[in-house]
Amino acid sequence: MEVFLVKINAEFRHILENLFPYYIYDMPEYMGWSPNDNGQFSFNKSSLDVYWERVDHAPYFTLIMN
């Protein structure tokens, strides 16, 4: 098994936005987050802007290859 970190450029931001709700779904017990009245965890997509606006922030995908 090999593990790779792949920097996410703006062209692939939509993939991160699509995957981020799964991250939020897995984290409430650690972060104290609660679902909305429909049982969904939501987030503001603009909260990810910082990763493309600041030089001291960078988003990565973790890829695991067998």
N, C-alpha and C. Protein backbone atom coordinates (compact mmCIF):
# COMPACT_ATOMS: atom_id res chain seq x y z
N MET A 1 0.84 -1.18 0.00
CA MET A 1 0.00 0.00 0.00
C MET A 1 0.89 1.24 0.00
N GLU A 2 0.52 2.19 -0.82
CA GLU A 2 1.23 3.46 -0.87
C GLU A 2 0.25 4.59 -0.57
N VAL A 3 0.74 5.59 0.13
CA VAL A 3 -0.08 6.75 0.49
C VAL A 3 0.55 7.98 -0.15
N PHE A 4 -0.29 8.76 -0.82
CA PHE A 4 0.18 9.96 -1.50
C PHE A 4 -0.63 11.17 -1.04
N LEU A 5 0.02 12.30 -0.91
CA LEU A 5 -0.66 13.58 -0.72
C LEU A 5 -0.62 14.29 -2.05
N VAL A 6 -1.80 14.71 -2.51
CA VAL A 6 -1.91 15.38 -3.81
C VAL A 6 -2.54 16.74 -3.57
N LYS A 7 -1.80 17.79 -3.89
CA LYS A 7 -2.32 19.15 -3.70
C LYS A 7 -3.53 19.37 -4.61
N ILE A 8 -4.54 20.01 -4.06
CA ILE A 8 -5.78 20.26 -4.80
C ILE A 8 -5.70 21.65 -5.43
N ASN A 9 -5.71 21.71 -6.74
CA ASN A 9 -5.75 23.02 -7.38
C ASN A 9 -7.20 23.43 -7.59
N ALA A 10 -7.41 24.65 -7.96
CA ALA A 10 -8.77 25.20 -8.06
C ALA A 10 -9.64 24.42 -9.04
N GLU A 11 -9.03 23.81 -10.03
CA GLU A 11 -9.79 23.03 -11.01
C GLU A 11 -10.55 21.86 -10.37
N PHE A 12 -10.02 21.35 -9.26
CA PHE A 12 -10.63 20.20 -8.60
C PHE A 12 -11.31 20.56 -7.27
N ARG A 13 -11.50 21.84 -7.05
CA ARG A 13 -12.16 22.29 -5.82
C ARG A 13 -13.55 21.66 -5.67
N HIS A 14 -14.26 21.49 -6.76
CA HIS A 14 -15.61 20.94 -6.68
C HIS A 14 -15.61 19.53 -6.07
N ILE A 15 -14.53 18.79 -6.27
CA ILE A 15 -14.45 17.45 -5.68
C ILE A 15 -14.33 17.57 -4.16
N LEU A 16 -13.49 18.47 -3.69
CA LEU A 16 -13.37 18.70 -2.26
C LEU A 16 -14.72 19.14 -1.67
N GLU A 17 -15.40 20.04 -2.36
CA GLU A 17 -16.71 20.51 -1.89
C GLU A 17 -17.70 19.35 -1.81
N ASN A 18 -17.63 18.41 -2.74
CA ASN A 18 -18.54 17.26 -2.72
C ASN A 18 -18.19 16.27 -1.62
N LEU A 19 -16.91 16.14 -1.29
CA LEU A 19 -16.48 15.20 -0.25
C LEU A 19 -16.57 15.77 1.16
N PHE A 20 -16.53 17.08 1.29
CA PHE A 20 -16.47 17.70 2.61
C PHE A 20 -17.65 17.34 3.52
N PRO A 21 -18.87 17.23 3.02
CA PRO A 21 -19.97 16.82 3.91
C PRO A 21 -19.74 15.47 4.58
N TYR A 22 -19.02 14.56 3.93
CA TYR A 22 -18.71 13.26 4.56
C TYR A 22 -17.74 13.46 5.73
N TYR A 23 -16.80 14.36 5.57
CA TYR A 23 -15.90 14.71 6.67
C TYR A 23 -16.71 15.26 7.84
N ILE A 24 -17.61 16.18 7.55
CA ILE A 24 -18.44 16.78 8.59
C ILE A 24 -19.29 15.71 9.28
N TYR A 25 -19.80 14.77 8.51
CA TYR A 25 -20.63 13.69 9.05
C TYR A 25 -19.84 12.83 10.05
N ASP A 26 -18.54 12.64 9.80
CA ASP A 26 -17.71 11.80 10.66
C ASP A 26 -17.18 12.52 11.90
N MET A 27 -17.25 13.84 11.96
CA MET A 27 -16.58 14.58 13.01
C MET A 27 -17.44 15.13 14.16
N PRO A 28 -18.76 15.01 14.15
CA PRO A 28 -19.53 15.71 15.19
C PRO A 28 -19.21 15.29 16.62
N GLU A 29 -18.87 14.04 16.85
CA GLU A 29 -18.59 13.63 18.22
C GLU A 29 -17.32 14.29 18.77
N TYR A 30 -16.42 14.67 17.88
CA TYR A 30 -15.17 15.31 18.29
C TYR A 30 -15.28 16.83 18.29
N MET A 31 -16.13 17.36 17.41
CA MET A 31 -16.21 18.81 17.23
C MET A 31 -17.44 19.43 17.90
N GLY A 32 -18.37 18.60 18.36
CA GLY A 32 -19.57 19.12 19.00
C GLY A 32 -20.60 19.67 18.03
N TRP A 33 -20.51 19.27 16.76
CA TRP A 33 -21.46 19.74 15.75
C TRP A 33 -22.75 18.94 15.83
N SER A 34 -23.85 19.57 15.46
CA SER A 34 -25.16 18.92 15.43
C SER A 34 -25.77 19.06 14.05
N PRO A 35 -26.56 18.06 13.64
CA PRO A 35 -27.23 18.17 12.34
C PRO A 35 -28.35 19.20 12.41
N ASN A 36 -28.79 19.66 11.22
CA ASN A 36 -29.92 20.57 11.17
C ASN A 36 -31.22 19.81 11.40
N ASP A 37 -32.35 20.47 11.30
CA ASP A 37 -33.65 19.84 11.57
C ASP A 37 -33.98 18.70 10.61
N ASN A 38 -33.30 18.66 9.47
CA ASN A 38 -33.51 17.59 8.49
C ASN A 38 -32.52 16.44 8.68
N GLY A 39 -31.71 16.52 9.71
CA GLY A 39 -30.73 15.48 9.98
C GLY A 39 -29.49 15.56 9.11
N GLN A 40 -29.25 16.71 8.51
CA GLN A 40 -28.11 16.89 7.63
C GLN A 40 -27.07 17.81 8.27
N PHE A 41 -25.82 17.54 7.93
CA PHE A 41 -24.73 18.43 8.32
C PHE A 41 -24.39 19.26 7.10
N SER A 42 -24.42 20.55 7.24
CA SER A 42 -24.14 21.41 6.09
C SER A 42 -22.95 22.30 6.41
N PHE A 43 -22.41 22.89 5.37
CA PHE A 43 -21.31 23.83 5.55
C PHE A 43 -21.39 24.88 4.46
N ASN A 44 -20.76 25.99 4.71
CA ASN A 44 -20.70 27.08 3.76
C ASN A 44 -19.48 26.86 2.87
N LYS A 45 -19.71 26.64 1.58
CA LYS A 45 -18.60 26.36 0.65
C LYS A 45 -17.56 27.47 0.65
N SER A 46 -17.95 28.67 0.94
CA SER A 46 -16.98 29.77 0.95
C SER A 46 -15.97 29.63 2.10
N SER A 47 -16.27 28.77 3.08
CA SER A 47 -15.31 28.56 4.16
C SER A 47 -14.04 27.87 3.65
N LEU A 48 -14.10 27.28 2.46
CA LEU A 48 -12.92 26.66 1.87
C LEU A 48 -12.07 27.65 1.08
N ASP A 49 -12.56 28.87 0.89
CA ASP A 49 -11.84 29.88 0.10
C ASP A 49 -10.43 30.11 0.60
N VAL A 50 -10.26 30.04 1.90
CA VAL A 50 -8.97 30.34 2.52
C VAL A 50 -7.85 29.48 1.93
N TYR A 51 -8.18 28.27 1.50
CA TYR A 51 -7.15 27.37 0.98
C TYR A 51 -6.59 27.81 -0.36
N TRP A 52 -7.31 28.67 -1.05
CA TRP A 52 -6.82 29.17 -2.33
C TRP A 52 -6.44 30.65 -2.26
N GLU A 53 -6.71 31.29 -1.13
CA GLU A 53 -6.44 32.72 -0.99
C GLU A 53 -5.19 33.02 -0.17
N ARG A 54 -4.77 32.10 0.68
CA ARG A 54 -3.63 32.35 1.56
C ARG A 54 -2.47 31.43 1.24
N VAL A 55 -1.29 31.97 1.26
CA VAL A 55 -0.11 31.16 0.94
C VAL A 55 0.23 30.17 2.06
N ASP A 56 -0.25 30.43 3.28
CA ASP A 56 0.05 29.53 4.39
C ASP A 56 -1.02 28.45 4.60
N HIS A 57 -1.92 28.30 3.63
CA HIS A 57 -2.94 27.25 3.65
C HIS A 57 -2.88 26.50 2.32
N ALA A 58 -3.04 25.19 2.37
CA ALA A 58 -3.05 24.41 1.13
C ALA A 58 -3.89 23.15 1.34
N PRO A 59 -4.83 22.88 0.44
CA PRO A 59 -5.65 21.68 0.57
C PRO A 59 -4.99 20.49 -0.15
N TYR A 60 -5.14 19.31 0.42
CA TYR A 60 -4.59 18.09 -0.16
C TYR A 60 -5.62 16.97 -0.10
N PHE A 61 -5.58 16.11 -1.10
CA PHE A 61 -6.27 14.83 -1.04
C PHE A 61 -5.26 13.81 -0.57
N THR A 62 -5.69 12.85 0.23
CA THR A 62 -4.88 11.71 0.60
C THR A 62 -5.33 10.55 -0.26
N LEU A 63 -4.42 10.02 -1.04
CA LEU A 63 -4.73 8.88 -1.92
C LEU A 63 -4.02 7.66 -1.40
N ILE A 64 -4.76 6.56 -1.31
CA ILE A 64 -4.19 5.29 -0.87
C ILE A 64 -4.29 4.33 -2.03
N MET A 65 -3.14 3.85 -2.46
CA MET A 65 -3.07 2.94 -3.61
C MET A 65 -2.62 1.56 -3.12
N ASN A 66 -3.34 0.54 -3.54
CA ASN A 66 -2.96 -0.84 -3.19
C ASN A 66 -2.01 -1.39 -4.22
